[in-house]
Amino acid sequence: MARIPTIPANQALRPAARFISLSVRAGEVFANRDKALAWLETPNPSLQGRSPIDAAVTEEGFEQADEILMRIEHGILG
């Protein structure tokens, strides 16, 4: 019987972990659940028009979205 390849558990959790981390961070920065959710779902020009949650599918996109949150938190424009 042929064995079906599986994805190692640690690889399967990476996107979920990024999503959770970004969601928690947005909640902290905006201090308002509705504003955080709106930010996570809204296309962002700094993410090539992707929403932060869509960008977080990749490590690079997650890091870019997290950087945007840091700038928002510290009042840095651009």
PDB file of N, CA and C in Angstrom:
ATOM      1  N   MET A   1       0.838  -1.164   0.000  1.00  0.00           N
ATOM      2  CA  MET A   1       0.000   0.000   0.000  1.00  0.00           C
ATOM      3  C   MET A   1       0.897   1.246   0.000  1.00  0.00           C
ATOM      4  N   ALA A   2       0.584   2.208  -0.871  1.00  0.00           N
ATOM      5  CA  ALA A   2       1.372   3.436  -0.968  1.00  0.00           C
ATOM      6  C   ALA A   2       1.111   4.331   0.239  1.00  0.00           C
ATOM      7  N   ARG A   3       2.172   4.923   0.679  1.00  0.00           N
ATOM      8  CA  ARG A   3       2.063   5.824   1.824  1.00  0.00           C
ATOM      9  C   ARG A   3       1.777   7.238   1.327  1.00  0.00           C
ATOM     10  N   ILE A   4       0.814   7.907   1.942  1.00  0.00           N
ATOM     11  CA  ILE A   4       0.452   9.274   1.557  1.00  0.00           C
ATOM     12  C   ILE A   4       1.377  10.235   2.297  1.00  0.00           C
ATOM     13  N   PRO A   5       2.070  11.126   1.557  1.00  0.00           N
ATOM     14  CA  PRO A   5       2.952  12.080   2.229  1.00  0.00           C
ATOM     15  C   PRO A   5       2.148  13.059   3.076  1.00  0.00           C
ATOM     16  N   THR A   6       2.712  13.433   4.182  1.00  0.00           N
ATOM     17  CA  THR A   6       2.048  14.398   5.053  1.00  0.00           C
ATOM     18  C   THR A   6       2.955  15.590   5.279  1.00  0.00           C
ATOM     19  N   ILE A   7       2.346  16.702   5.613  1.00  0.00           N
ATOM     20  CA  ILE A   7       3.092  17.911   5.935  1.00  0.00           C
ATOM     21  C   ILE A   7       3.445  17.847   7.412  1.00  0.00           C
ATOM     22  N   PRO A   8       4.705  18.053   7.754  1.00  0.00           N
ATOM     23  CA  PRO A   8       5.061  18.064   9.172  1.00  0.00           C
ATOM     24  C   PRO A   8       4.217  19.085   9.931  1.00  0.00           C
ATOM     25  N   ALA A   9       3.841  18.748  11.140  1.00  0.00           N
ATOM     26  CA  ALA A   9       2.947  19.592  11.935  1.00  0.00           C
ATOM     27  C   ALA A   9       3.499  20.999  12.106  1.00  0.00           C
ATOM     28  N   ASN A  10       4.804  21.139  12.311  1.00  0.00           N
ATOM     29  CA  ASN A  10       5.362  22.476  12.529  1.00  0.00           C
ATOM     30  C   ASN A  10       5.227  23.365  11.297  1.00  0.00           C
ATOM     31  N   GLN A  11       5.255  22.803  10.100  1.00  0.00           N
ATOM     32  CA  GLN A  11       5.072  23.593   8.885  1.00  0.00           C
ATOM     33  C   GLN A  11       3.613  23.983   8.704  1.00  0.00           C
ATOM     34  N   ALA A  12       2.691  23.107   9.038  1.00  0.00           N
ATOM     35  CA  ALA A  12       1.276  23.386   8.872  1.00  0.00           C
ATOM     36  C   ALA A  12       0.817  24.491   9.814  1.00  0.00           C
ATOM     37  N   LEU A  13       1.465  24.653  10.939  1.00  0.00           N
ATOM     38  CA  LEU A  13       1.047  25.643  11.927  1.00  0.00           C
ATOM     39  C   LEU A  13       1.632  27.027  11.674  1.00  0.00           C
ATOM     40  N   ARG A  14       2.626  27.129  10.871  1.00  0.00           N
ATOM     41  CA  ARG A  14       3.277  28.425  10.681  1.00  0.00           C
ATOM     42  C   ARG A  14       2.309  29.513  10.227  1.00  0.00           C
ATOM     43  N   PRO A  15       1.512  29.314   9.168  1.00  0.00           N
ATOM     44  CA  PRO A  15       0.571  30.372   8.782  1.00  0.00           C
ATOM     45  C   PRO A  15      -0.432  30.688   9.895  1.00  0.00           C
ATOM     46  N   ALA A  16      -0.910  29.677  10.590  1.00  0.00           N
ATOM     47  CA  ALA A  16      -1.862  29.908  11.682  1.00  0.00           C
ATOM     48  C   ALA A  16      -1.198  30.706  12.801  1.00  0.00           C
ATOM     49  N   ALA A  17       0.032  30.392  13.116  1.00  0.00           N
ATOM     50  CA  ALA A  17       0.748  31.117  14.165  1.00  0.00           C
ATOM     51  C   ALA A  17       0.961  32.574  13.765  1.00  0.00           C
ATOM     52  N   ARG A  18       1.267  32.816  12.498  1.00  0.00           N
ATOM     53  CA  ARG A  18       1.437  34.199  12.025  1.00  0.00           C
ATOM     54  C   ARG A  18       0.115  34.946  12.119  1.00  0.00           C
ATOM     55  N   PHE A  19      -0.976  34.297  11.730  1.00  0.00           N
ATOM     56  CA  PHE A  19      -2.304  34.916  11.796  1.00  0.00           C
ATOM     57  C   PHE A  19      -2.642  35.296  13.239  1.00  0.00           C
ATOM     58  N   ILE A  20      -2.422  34.384  14.156  1.00  0.00           N
ATOM     59  CA  ILE A  20      -2.726  34.642  15.575  1.00  0.00           C
ATOM     60  C   ILE A  20      -1.852  35.778  16.099  1.00  0.00           C
ATOM     61  N   SER A  21      -0.575  35.722  15.816  1.00  0.00           N
ATOM     62  CA  SER A  21       0.351  36.746  16.288  1.00  0.00           C
ATOM     63  C   SER A  21      -0.038  38.128  15.757  1.00  0.00           C
ATOM     64  N   LEU A  22      -0.338  38.211  14.465  1.00  0.00           N
ATOM     65  CA  LEU A  22      -0.708  39.484  13.862  1.00  0.00           C
ATOM     66  C   LEU A  22      -2.038  39.983  14.427  1.00  0.00           C
ATOM     67  N   SER A  23      -2.981  39.095  14.649  1.00  0.00           N
ATOM     68  CA  SER A  23      -4.280  39.476  15.215  1.00  0.00           C
ATOM     69  C   SER A  23      -4.131  40.025  16.628  1.00  0.00           C
ATOM     70  N   VAL A  24      -3.330  39.352  17.438  1.00  0.00           N
ATOM     71  CA  VAL A  24      -3.100  39.807  18.817  1.00  0.00           C
ATOM     72  C   VAL A  24      -2.413  41.170  18.797  1.00  0.00           C
ATOM     73  N   ARG A  25      -1.402  41.296  17.958  1.00  0.00           N
ATOM     74  CA  ARG A  25      -0.656  42.558  17.874  1.00  0.00           C
ATOM     75  C   ARG A  25      -1.558  43.699  17.424  1.00  0.00           C
ATOM     76  N   ALA A  26      -2.423  43.458  16.434  1.00  0.00           N
ATOM     77  CA  ALA A  26      -3.356  44.494  15.972  1.00  0.00           C
ATOM     78  C   ALA A  26      -4.300  44.887  17.102  1.00  0.00           C
ATOM     79  N   GLY A  27      -4.766  43.914  17.870  1.00  0.00           N
ATOM     80  CA  GLY A  27      -5.627  44.210  19.007  1.00  0.00           C
ATOM     81  C   GLY A  27      -4.938  45.094  20.027  1.00  0.00           C
ATOM     82  N   GLU A  28      -3.658  44.843  20.263  1.00  0.00           N
ATOM     83  CA  GLU A  28      -2.889  45.655  21.210  1.00  0.00           C
ATOM     84  C   GLU A  28      -2.702  47.081  20.685  1.00  0.00           C
ATOM     85  N   VAL A  29      -2.372  47.202  19.409  1.00  0.00           N
ATOM     86  CA  VAL A  29      -2.095  48.517  18.828  1.00  0.00           C
ATOM     87  C   VAL A  29      -3.359  49.370  18.758  1.00  0.00           C
ATOM     88  N   PHE A  30      -4.454  48.782  18.295  1.00  0.00           N
ATOM     89  CA  PHE A  30      -5.689  49.546  18.124  1.00  0.00           C
ATOM     90  C   PHE A  30      -6.536  49.621  19.391  1.00  0.00           C
ATOM     91  N   ALA A  31      -6.289  48.730  20.340  1.00  0.00           N
ATOM     92  CA  ALA A  31      -7.032  48.693  21.607  1.00  0.00           C
ATOM     93  C   ALA A  31      -8.542  48.681  21.370  1.00  0.00           C
ATOM     94  N   ASN A  32      -8.947  48.105  20.251  1.00  0.00           N
ATOM     95  CA  ASN A  32     -10.355  48.035  19.893  1.00  0.00           C
ATOM     96  C   ASN A  32     -10.511  46.885  18.905  1.00  0.00           C
ATOM     97  N   ARG A  33     -11.315  45.908  19.268  1.00  0.00           N
ATOM     98  CA  ARG A  33     -11.465  44.701  18.446  1.00  0.00           C
ATOM     99  C   ARG A  33     -11.951  45.019  17.036  1.00  0.00           C
ATOM    100  N   ASP A  34     -12.974  45.866  16.915  1.00  0.00           N
ATOM    101  CA  ASP A  34     -13.531  46.174  15.594  1.00  0.00           C
ATOM    102  C   ASP A  34     -12.524  46.903  14.703  1.00  0.00           C
ATOM    103  N   LYS A  35     -11.782  47.841  15.276  1.00  0.00           N
ATOM    104  CA  LYS A  35     -10.765  48.555  14.493  1.00  0.00           C
ATOM    105  C   LYS A  35      -9.639  47.618  14.073  1.00  0.00           C
ATOM    106  N   ALA A  36      -9.247  46.728  14.971  1.00  0.00           N
ATOM    107  CA  ALA A  36      -8.192  45.766  14.640  1.00  0.00           C
ATOM    108  C   ALA A  36      -8.641  44.843  13.504  1.00  0.00           C
ATOM    109  N   LEU A  37      -9.863  44.332  13.603  1.00  0.00           N
ATOM    110  CA  LEU A  37     -10.378  43.454  12.540  1.00  0.00           C
ATOM    111  C   LEU A  37     -10.495  44.187  11.216  1.00  0.00           C
ATOM    112  N   ALA A  38     -10.959  45.430  11.260  1.00  0.00           N
ATOM    113  CA  ALA A  38     -11.068  46.213  10.018  1.00  0.00           C
ATOM    114  C   ALA A  38      -9.691  46.406   9.393  1.00  0.00           C
ATOM    115  N   TRP A  39      -8.684  46.713  10.206  1.00  0.00           N
ATOM    116  CA  TRP A  39      -7.333  46.901   9.685  1.00  0.00           C
ATOM    117  C   TRP A  39      -6.813  45.604   9.071  1.00  0.00           C
ATOM    118  N   LEU A  40      -7.029  44.489   9.745  1.00  0.00           N
ATOM    119  CA  LEU A  40      -6.550  43.193   9.255  1.00  0.00           C
ATOM    120  C   LEU A  40      -7.153  42.821   7.902  1.00  0.00           C
ATOM    121  N   GLU A  41      -8.391  43.255   7.641  1.00  0.00           N
ATOM    122  CA  GLU A  41      -9.116  42.854   6.431  1.00  0.00           C
ATOM    123  C   GLU A  41      -9.056  43.868   5.296  1.00  0.00           C
ATOM    124  N   THR A  42      -8.522  45.060   5.553  1.00  0.00           N
ATOM    125  CA  THR A  42      -8.521  46.128   4.554  1.00  0.00           C
ATOM    126  C   THR A  42      -7.253  46.092   3.709  1.00  0.00           C
ATOM    127  N   PRO A  43      -7.411  46.125   2.372  1.00  0.00           N
ATOM    128  CA  PRO A  43      -6.228  46.182   1.510  1.00  0.00           C
ATOM    129  C   PRO A  43      -5.354  47.384   1.882  1.00  0.00           C
ATOM    130  N   ASN A  44      -4.041  47.170   1.857  1.00  0.00           N
ATOM    131  CA  ASN A  44      -3.097  48.183   2.296  1.00  0.00           C
ATOM    132  C   ASN A  44      -2.089  48.444   1.179  1.00  0.00           C
ATOM    133  N   PRO A  45      -1.942  49.701   0.755  1.00  0.00           N
ATOM    134  CA  PRO A  45      -0.985  50.007  -0.319  1.00  0.00           C
ATOM    135  C   PRO A  45       0.446  49.571   0.011  1.00  0.00           C
ATOM    136  N   SER A  46       0.820  49.610   1.283  1.00  0.00           N
ATOM    137  CA  SER A  46       2.173  49.205   1.681  1.00  0.00           C
ATOM    138  C   SER A  46       2.397  47.702   1.550  1.00  0.00           C
ATOM    139  N   LEU A  47       1.308  46.962   1.367  1.00  0.00           N
ATOM    140  CA  LEU A  47       1.385  45.500   1.193  1.00  0.00           C
ATOM    141  C   LEU A  47       0.988  45.115  -0.234  1.00  0.00           C
ATOM    142  N   GLN A  48       1.276  46.011  -1.176  1.00  0.00           N
ATOM    143  CA  GLN A  48       0.950  45.800  -2.585  1.00  0.00           C
ATOM    144  C   GLN A  48      -0.546  45.542  -2.781  1.00  0.00           C
ATOM    145  N   GLY A  49      -1.368  46.242  -2.006  1.00  0.00           N
ATOM    146  CA  GLY A  49      -2.813  46.130  -2.140  1.00  0.00           C
ATOM    147  C   GLY A  49      -3.437  44.931  -1.446  1.00  0.00           C
ATOM    148  N   ARG A  50      -2.619  44.120  -0.775  1.00  0.00           N
ATOM    149  CA  ARG A  50      -3.161  42.973  -0.029  1.00  0.00           C
ATOM    150  C   ARG A  50      -3.587  43.431   1.357  1.00  0.00           C
ATOM    151  N   SER A  51      -4.510  42.719   1.944  1.00  0.00           N
ATOM    152  CA  SER A  51      -4.852  42.989   3.337  1.00  0.00           C
ATOM    153  C   SER A  51      -3.749  42.405   4.209  1.00  0.00           C
ATOM    154  N   PRO A  52      -3.564  42.931   5.414  1.00  0.00           N
ATOM    155  CA  PRO A  52      -2.544  42.362   6.293  1.00  0.00           C
ATOM    156  C   PRO A  52      -2.738  40.865   6.525  1.00  0.00           C
ATOM    157  N   ILE A  53      -3.966  40.416   6.660  1.00  0.00           N
ATOM    158  CA  ILE A  53      -4.209  39.000   6.925  1.00  0.00           C
ATOM    159  C   ILE A  53      -3.833  38.155   5.702  1.00  0.00           C
ATOM    160  N   ASP A  54      -4.065  38.683   4.502  1.00  0.00           N
ATOM    161  CA  ASP A  54      -3.651  37.958   3.292  1.00  0.00           C
ATOM    162  C   ASP A  54      -2.131  37.964   3.153  1.00  0.00           C
ATOM    163  N   ALA A  55      -1.515  39.084   3.486  1.00  0.00           N
ATOM    164  CA  ALA A  55      -0.055  39.180   3.397  1.00  0.00           C
ATOM    165  C   ALA A  55       0.626  38.217   4.362  1.00  0.00           C
ATOM    166  N   ALA A  56       0.007  37.971   5.504  1.00  0.00           N
ATOM    167  CA  ALA A  56       0.616  37.132   6.546  1.00  0.00           C
ATOM    168  C   ALA A  56       0.700  35.657   6.165  1.00  0.00           C
ATOM    169  N   VAL A  57       0.199  35.295   4.999  1.00  0.00           N
ATOM    170  CA  VAL A  57       0.328  33.908   4.533  1.00  0.00           C
ATOM    171  C   VAL A  57       1.802  33.563   4.344  1.00  0.00           C
ATOM    172  N   THR A  58       2.604  34.562   3.980  1.00  0.00           N
ATOM    173  CA  THR A  58       4.039  34.336   3.835  1.00  0.00           C
ATOM    174  C   THR A  58       4.782  35.010   4.984  1.00  0.00           C
ATOM    175  N   GLU A  59       5.956  34.530   5.289  1.00  0.00           N
ATOM    176  CA  GLU A  59       6.773  35.126   6.350  1.00  0.00           C
ATOM    177  C   GLU A  59       7.121  36.573   6.021  1.00  0.00           C
ATOM    178  N   GLU A  60       7.467  36.829   4.765  1.00  0.00           N
ATOM    179  CA  GLU A  60       7.817  38.190   4.342  1.00  0.00           C
ATOM    180  C   GLU A  60       6.629  39.138   4.510  1.00  0.00           C
ATOM    181  N   GLY A  61       5.453  38.695   4.085  1.00  0.00           N
ATOM    182  CA  GLY A  61       4.254  39.520   4.227  1.00  0.00           C
ATOM    183  C   GLY A  61       3.907  39.768   5.683  1.00  0.00           C
ATOM    184  N   PHE A  62       4.070  38.733   6.511  1.00  0.00           N
ATOM    185  CA  PHE A  62       3.829  38.886   7.943  1.00  0.00           C
ATOM    186  C   PHE A  62       4.756  39.953   8.523  1.00  0.00           C
ATOM    187  N   GLU A  63       6.020  39.889   8.171  1.00  0.00           N
ATOM    188  CA  GLU A  63       6.990  40.850   8.692  1.00  0.00           C
ATOM    189  C   GLU A  63       6.655  42.269   8.241  1.00  0.00           C
ATOM    190  N   GLN A  64       6.210  42.426   6.994  1.00  0.00           N
ATOM    191  CA  GLN A  64       5.814  43.744   6.498  1.00  0.00           C
ATOM    192  C   GLN A  64       4.598  44.270   7.266  1.00  0.00           C
ATOM    193  N   ALA A  65       3.600  43.424   7.473  1.00  0.00           N
ATOM    194  CA  ALA A  65       2.404  43.836   8.211  1.00  0.00           C
ATOM    195  C   ALA A  65       2.754  44.189   9.648  1.00  0.00           C
ATOM    196  N   ASP A  66       3.628  43.423  10.268  1.00  0.00           N
ATOM    197  CA  ASP A  66       4.043  43.700  11.637  1.00  0.00           C
ATOM    198  C   ASP A  66       4.803  45.024  11.716  1.00  0.00           C
ATOM    199  N   GLU A  67       5.600  45.313  10.707  1.00  0.00           N
ATOM    200  CA  GLU A  67       6.327  46.581  10.642  1.00  0.00           C
ATOM    201  C   GLU A  67       5.338  47.755  10.543  1.00  0.00           C
ATOM    202  N   ILE A  68       4.284  47.594   9.766  1.00  0.00           N
ATOM    203  CA  ILE A  68       3.258  48.637   9.660  1.00  0.00           C
ATOM    204  C   ILE A  68       2.605  48.875  11.019  1.00  0.00           C
ATOM    205  N   LEU A  69       2.302  47.816  11.735  1.00  0.00           N
ATOM    206  CA  LEU A  69       1.727  47.967  13.075  1.00  0.00           C
ATOM    207  C   LEU A  69       2.677  48.709  14.007  1.00  0.00           C
ATOM    208  N   MET A  70       3.955  48.419  13.909  1.00  0.00           N
ATOM    209  CA  MET A  70       4.936  49.112  14.741  1.00  0.00           C
ATOM    210  C   MET A  70       4.933  50.606  14.424  1.00  0.00           C
ATOM    211  N   ARG A  71       4.863  50.951  13.142  1.00  0.00           N
ATOM    212  CA  ARG A  71       4.836  52.372  12.755  1.00  0.00           C
ATOM    213  C   ARG A  71       3.570  53.047  13.253  1.00  0.00           C
ATOM    214  N   ILE A  72       2.434  52.351  13.149  1.00  0.00           N
ATOM    215  CA  ILE A  72       1.179  52.910  13.657  1.00  0.00           C
ATOM    216  C   ILE A  72       1.288  53.148  15.157  1.00  0.00           C
ATOM    217  N   GLU A  73       1.808  52.169  15.854  1.00  0.00           N
ATOM    218  CA  GLU A  73       1.928  52.240  17.310  1.00  0.00           C
ATOM    219  C   GLU A  73       2.784  53.422  17.758  1.00  0.00           C
ATOM    220  N   HIS A  74       3.831  53.713  16.999  1.00  0.00           N
ATOM    221  CA  HIS A  74       4.769  54.768  17.370  1.00  0.00           C
ATOM    222  C   HIS A  74       4.530  56.081  16.623  1.00  0.00           C
ATOM    223  N   GLY A  75       3.448  56.142  15.839  1.00  0.00           N
ATOM    224  CA  GLY A  75       3.098  57.383  15.152  1.00  0.00           C
ATOM    225  C   GLY A  75       4.034  57.758  14.022  1.00  0.00           C
ATOM    226  N   ILE A  76       4.655  56.770  13.393  1.00  0.00           N
ATOM    227  CA  ILE A  76       5.581  57.022  12.286  1.00  0.00           C
ATOM    228  C   ILE A  76       4.797  56.937  10.977  1.00  0.00           C
ATOM    229  N   LEU A  77       4.793  58.014  10.212  1.00  0.00           N
ATOM    230  CA  LEU A  77       4.070  58.042   8.943  1.00  0.00           C
ATOM    231  C   LEU A  77       4.928  57.456   7.832  1.00  0.00           C
ATOM    232  N   GLY A  78       4.222  56.929   6.801  1.00  0.00           N
ATOM    233  CA  GLY A  78       4.910  56.458   5.608  1.00  0.00           C
ATOM    234  C   GLY A  78       5.338  55.099   5.610  1.00  0.00           C
TER     235      GLY A  78
END
